[in-house]
Amino acid sequence: MDRQEEQDVIAQVRRGERAAFAALVDAYAKPIFNLAFRMTGNRQDADDLAQETFLRAYRKLKRFDPEKKFFTWLYTIALNIIRNHLKSSPERTARIAEMAHPPSDPVDPANPEGLFLDREKAQLLEICLQKLPSELKEAVVLRYYQDLSFDEIATITDASVSAVKMRAYRGLERLRALMSERVRPTSRRATPPGPG
């Protein structure tokens, strides 16, 4: 949905055409769900948080400044809701186990080992992502999963562009460290003992 279409839909909703809001939900449901899932690691929470985001956006739509980008405004709402959820849900790390279930991609009969290794790496990445401090995780998710620019992330997180770049960099460095910590013991066990 381009900016003009968004503005038209927003104008319709403000005139009382409630059903028009569904077009905004359709346009942004997937990225908002993905943001919530990457931040929480839990599908049910992500679904609930996405619904809460759209409900709050609908209620506050009259406050939206049409001179600004709708998606950055919506992401700001989503991120604030997610932050509050994470603060009130300290047991969230116990739910990381949900990510141990591989996605239901079809297995390539020519290379089933390759798919297994890809899934294993993706699962490890998700587990390590959940261990990042919130600020670093937000920057990594928004930049590398949501593919937003540093300027957009700065607007959404109310931080400077340089701070956002530093958080993304530190987040990637921390992810690398966490992943290498998790992989190193496995690779040692997998090495057969030498002749002795």
Protein backbone atom coordinates (compact mmCIF):
# COMPACT_ATOMS: atom_id res chain seq x y z
CA MET A 1 0.00 0.00 0.00
CA ASP A 2 1.52 3.33 -1.02
CA ARG A 3 1.35 6.50 1.04
CA GLN A 4 -1.54 8.04 -0.88
CA GLU A 5 -3.65 4.90 -0.44
CA GLU A 6 -2.86 4.96 3.28
CA GLN A 7 -3.92 8.59 3.52
CA ASP A 8 -7.18 7.81 1.71
CA VAL A 9 -7.94 4.91 4.04
CA ILE A 10 -7.09 6.97 7.13
CA ALA A 11 -9.38 9.76 5.91
CA GLN A 12 -12.20 7.24 5.40
CA VAL A 13 -11.77 5.84 8.92
CA ARG A 14 -11.72 9.34 10.39
CA ARG A 15 -15.01 10.05 8.58
CA GLY A 16 -16.54 7.09 10.41
CA GLU A 17 -16.05 4.32 7.84
CA ARG A 18 -14.75 1.76 10.33
CA ALA A 19 -14.54 -1.07 7.81
CA ALA A 20 -11.86 0.83 5.87
CA PHE A 21 -9.40 0.19 8.71
CA ALA A 22 -9.24 -3.46 7.60
CA ALA A 23 -7.11 -2.37 4.62
CA LEU A 24 -4.43 -1.06 7.03
CA VAL A 25 -4.61 -4.26 9.06
CA ASP A 26 -4.20 -6.33 5.89
CA ALA A 27 -1.21 -4.25 4.80
CA TYR A 28 0.65 -4.42 8.12
CA ALA A 29 -0.56 -7.56 9.93
CA LYS A 30 2.37 -9.71 8.83
CA PRO A 31 5.22 -7.29 9.63
CA ILE A 32 3.69 -6.34 13.00
CA PHE A 33 3.20 -10.02 13.91
CA ASN A 34 6.79 -10.77 12.83
CA LEU A 35 8.11 -7.90 14.93
CA ALA A 36 6.21 -9.15 17.99
CA PHE A 37 7.30 -12.75 17.39
CA ARG A 38 10.98 -11.86 17.00
CA MET A 39 10.84 -9.77 20.15
CA THR A 40 8.96 -12.29 22.31
CA GLY A 41 9.77 -15.68 20.80
CA ASN A 42 6.18 -16.77 21.33
CA ARG A 43 3.50 -17.07 18.64
CA GLN A 44 0.51 -16.64 20.95
CA ASP A 45 2.01 -13.55 22.55
CA ALA A 46 2.89 -12.18 19.11
CA ASP A 47 -0.68 -12.69 17.90
CA ASP A 48 -2.11 -11.00 21.00
CA LEU A 49 0.35 -8.10 20.77
CA ALA A 50 -0.35 -7.56 17.07
CA GLN A 51 -4.09 -7.43 17.76
CA GLU A 52 -3.53 -4.99 20.63
CA THR A 53 -1.38 -2.83 18.33
CA PHE A 54 -4.13 -2.51 15.73
CA LEU A 55 -6.79 -1.89 18.36
CA ARG A 56 -4.72 0.91 19.90
CA ALA A 57 -3.88 2.36 16.47
CA TYR A 58 -7.58 2.42 15.58
CA ARG A 59 -8.44 4.19 18.81
CA LYS A 60 -5.65 6.77 18.39
CA LEU A 61 -6.00 7.31 14.65
CA LYS A 62 -7.40 10.81 15.16
CA ARG A 63 -4.06 11.77 16.75
CA PHE A 64 -2.04 10.53 13.78
CA ASP A 65 -0.21 13.31 11.94
CA PRO A 66 -0.82 12.75 8.19
CA GLU A 67 2.48 14.50 7.43
CA LYS A 68 4.31 11.53 8.97
CA LYS A 69 4.65 7.95 7.74
CA PHE A 70 1.86 5.71 8.99
CA PHE A 71 4.03 2.60 9.29
CA THR A 72 6.59 4.30 11.57
CA TRP A 73 3.73 5.53 13.75
CA LEU A 74 2.26 2.01 13.84
CA TYR A 75 5.64 0.41 14.60
CA THR A 76 6.14 2.87 17.47
CA ILE A 77 2.82 1.79 18.96
CA ALA A 78 3.72 -1.89 18.47
CA LEU A 79 7.16 -1.50 20.00
CA ASN A 80 5.78 0.28 23.07
CA ILE A 81 3.19 -2.46 23.58
CA ILE A 82 5.86 -5.15 23.16
CA ARG A 83 8.23 -3.38 25.59
CA ASN A 84 5.49 -3.22 28.22
CA HIS A 85 4.68 -6.87 27.68
CA LEU A 86 8.32 -7.91 28.08
CA LYS A 87 8.67 -5.87 31.28
CA SER A 88 5.58 -7.47 32.77
CA SER A 89 6.51 -10.98 31.61
CA PRO A 90 9.82 -11.98 33.25
CA GLU A 91 9.18 -15.66 32.61
CA ARG A 92 9.50 -15.06 28.86
CA THR A 93 12.93 -16.74 28.68
CA ALA A 94 11.31 -19.96 29.85
CA ARG A 95 9.19 -19.94 26.71
CA ILE A 96 12.12 -19.91 24.30
CA ALA A 97 11.68 -23.70 24.05
CA GLU A 98 8.81 -23.03 21.63
CA MET A 99 11.48 -22.20 19.06
CA ALA A 100 12.95 -25.69 19.32
CA HIS A 101 10.18 -26.90 17.02
CA PRO A 102 11.40 -26.73 13.41
CA PRO A 103 9.29 -24.95 10.80
CA SER A 104 7.17 -27.19 8.62
CA ASP A 105 9.14 -26.69 5.40
CA PRO A 106 9.08 -29.55 2.92
CA VAL A 107 12.17 -31.75 3.09
CA ASP A 108 14.35 -31.81 -0.03
CA PRO A 109 14.92 -35.54 -0.71
CA ALA A 110 18.21 -34.71 -2.44
CA ASN A 111 19.59 -32.85 0.59
CA PRO A 112 17.73 -33.58 3.85
CA GLU A 113 20.90 -32.99 5.91
CA GLY A 114 21.29 -29.48 4.47
CA LEU A 115 17.73 -28.55 5.41
CA PHE A 116 18.24 -29.94 8.91
CA LEU A 117 21.42 -27.89 9.35
CA ASP A 118 19.68 -24.75 8.04
CA ARG A 119 16.83 -25.29 10.49
CA GLU A 120 19.26 -25.93 13.31
CA LYS A 121 21.14 -22.67 12.58
CA ALA A 122 17.88 -20.71 12.35
CA GLN A 123 16.69 -22.14 15.68
CA LEU A 124 20.00 -21.33 17.33
CA LEU A 125 19.83 -17.79 15.98
CA GLU A 126 16.29 -17.35 17.36
CA ILE A 127 17.29 -18.67 20.78
CA CYS A 128 20.32 -16.37 20.91
CA LEU A 129 18.23 -13.41 19.70
CA GLN A 130 15.95 -13.83 22.72
CA LYS A 131 18.99 -13.50 25.01
CA LEU A 132 19.92 -10.04 23.76
CA PRO A 133 19.11 -7.00 25.92
CA SER A 134 15.94 -5.30 24.67
CA GLU A 135 17.59 -2.26 23.07
CA LEU A 136 19.99 -4.41 21.07
CA LYS A 137 17.30 -6.88 20.10
CA GLU A 138 15.00 -4.07 18.92
CA ALA A 139 17.74 -2.64 16.70
CA VAL A 140 18.64 -6.03 15.21
CA VAL A 141 15.02 -7.05 14.61
CA LEU A 142 13.98 -3.73 13.08
CA ARG A 143 17.07 -3.48 10.86
CA TYR A 144 17.72 -7.06 9.76
CA TYR A 145 14.35 -8.79 10.10
CA GLN A 146 12.04 -5.88 9.30
CA ASP A 147 14.51 -4.31 6.82
CA LEU A 148 13.93 -0.76 8.06
CA SER A 149 16.43 2.03 7.52
CA PHE A 150 18.41 3.46 10.42
CA ASP A 151 16.47 6.71 10.02
CA GLU A 152 13.15 4.85 10.32
CA ILE A 153 14.38 2.92 13.35
CA ALA A 154 15.53 6.15 14.99
CA THR A 155 12.04 7.60 14.51
CA ILE A 156 10.34 4.48 15.86
CA THR A 157 12.61 4.08 18.89
CA ASP A 158 13.00 7.81 19.58
CA ALA A 159 16.79 7.51 19.47
CA SER A 160 19.50 9.14 17.37
CA VAL A 161 20.60 7.47 14.13
CA SER A 162 24.11 7.00 15.56
CA ALA A 163 22.69 5.32 18.68
CA VAL A 164 20.59 2.99 16.53
CA LYS A 165 23.61 2.07 14.38
CA MET A 166 25.66 1.35 17.49
CA ARG A 167 22.88 -0.81 18.97
CA ALA A 168 22.55 -2.79 15.74
CA TYR A 169 26.32 -3.29 15.59
CA ARG A 170 26.55 -4.34 19.24
CA GLY A 171 23.53 -6.61 18.80
CA LEU A 172 25.16 -8.41 15.88
CA GLU A 173 28.44 -8.74 17.78
CA ARG A 174 26.61 -10.15 20.81
CA LEU A 175 24.65 -12.56 18.61
CA ARG A 176 27.89 -13.82 17.05
CA ALA A 177 29.39 -14.34 20.51
CA LEU A 178 26.30 -16.15 21.81
CA MET A 179 26.12 -18.40 18.76
CA SER A 180 29.81 -19.29 18.90
CA GLU A 181 29.46 -20.13 22.61
CA ARG A 182 26.61 -22.49 21.77
CA VAL A 183 28.33 -24.08 18.76
CA ARG A 184 31.84 -24.53 20.21
CA PRO A 185 31.02 -27.28 22.78
CA THR A 186 29.02 -29.20 20.17
CA SER A 187 31.87 -29.17 17.67
CA ARG A 188 34.30 -30.43 20.33
CA ARG A 189 32.06 -33.36 21.17
CA ALA A 190 31.65 -34.17 17.49
CA THR A 191 35.43 -34.52 16.98
CA PRO A 192 36.46 -38.13 17.42
CA PRO A 193 39.42 -38.75 19.75
CA GLY A 194 42.78 -39.21 18.03
CA PRO A 195 44.85 -42.40 18.24
CA GLY A 196 46.20 -42.75 21.63
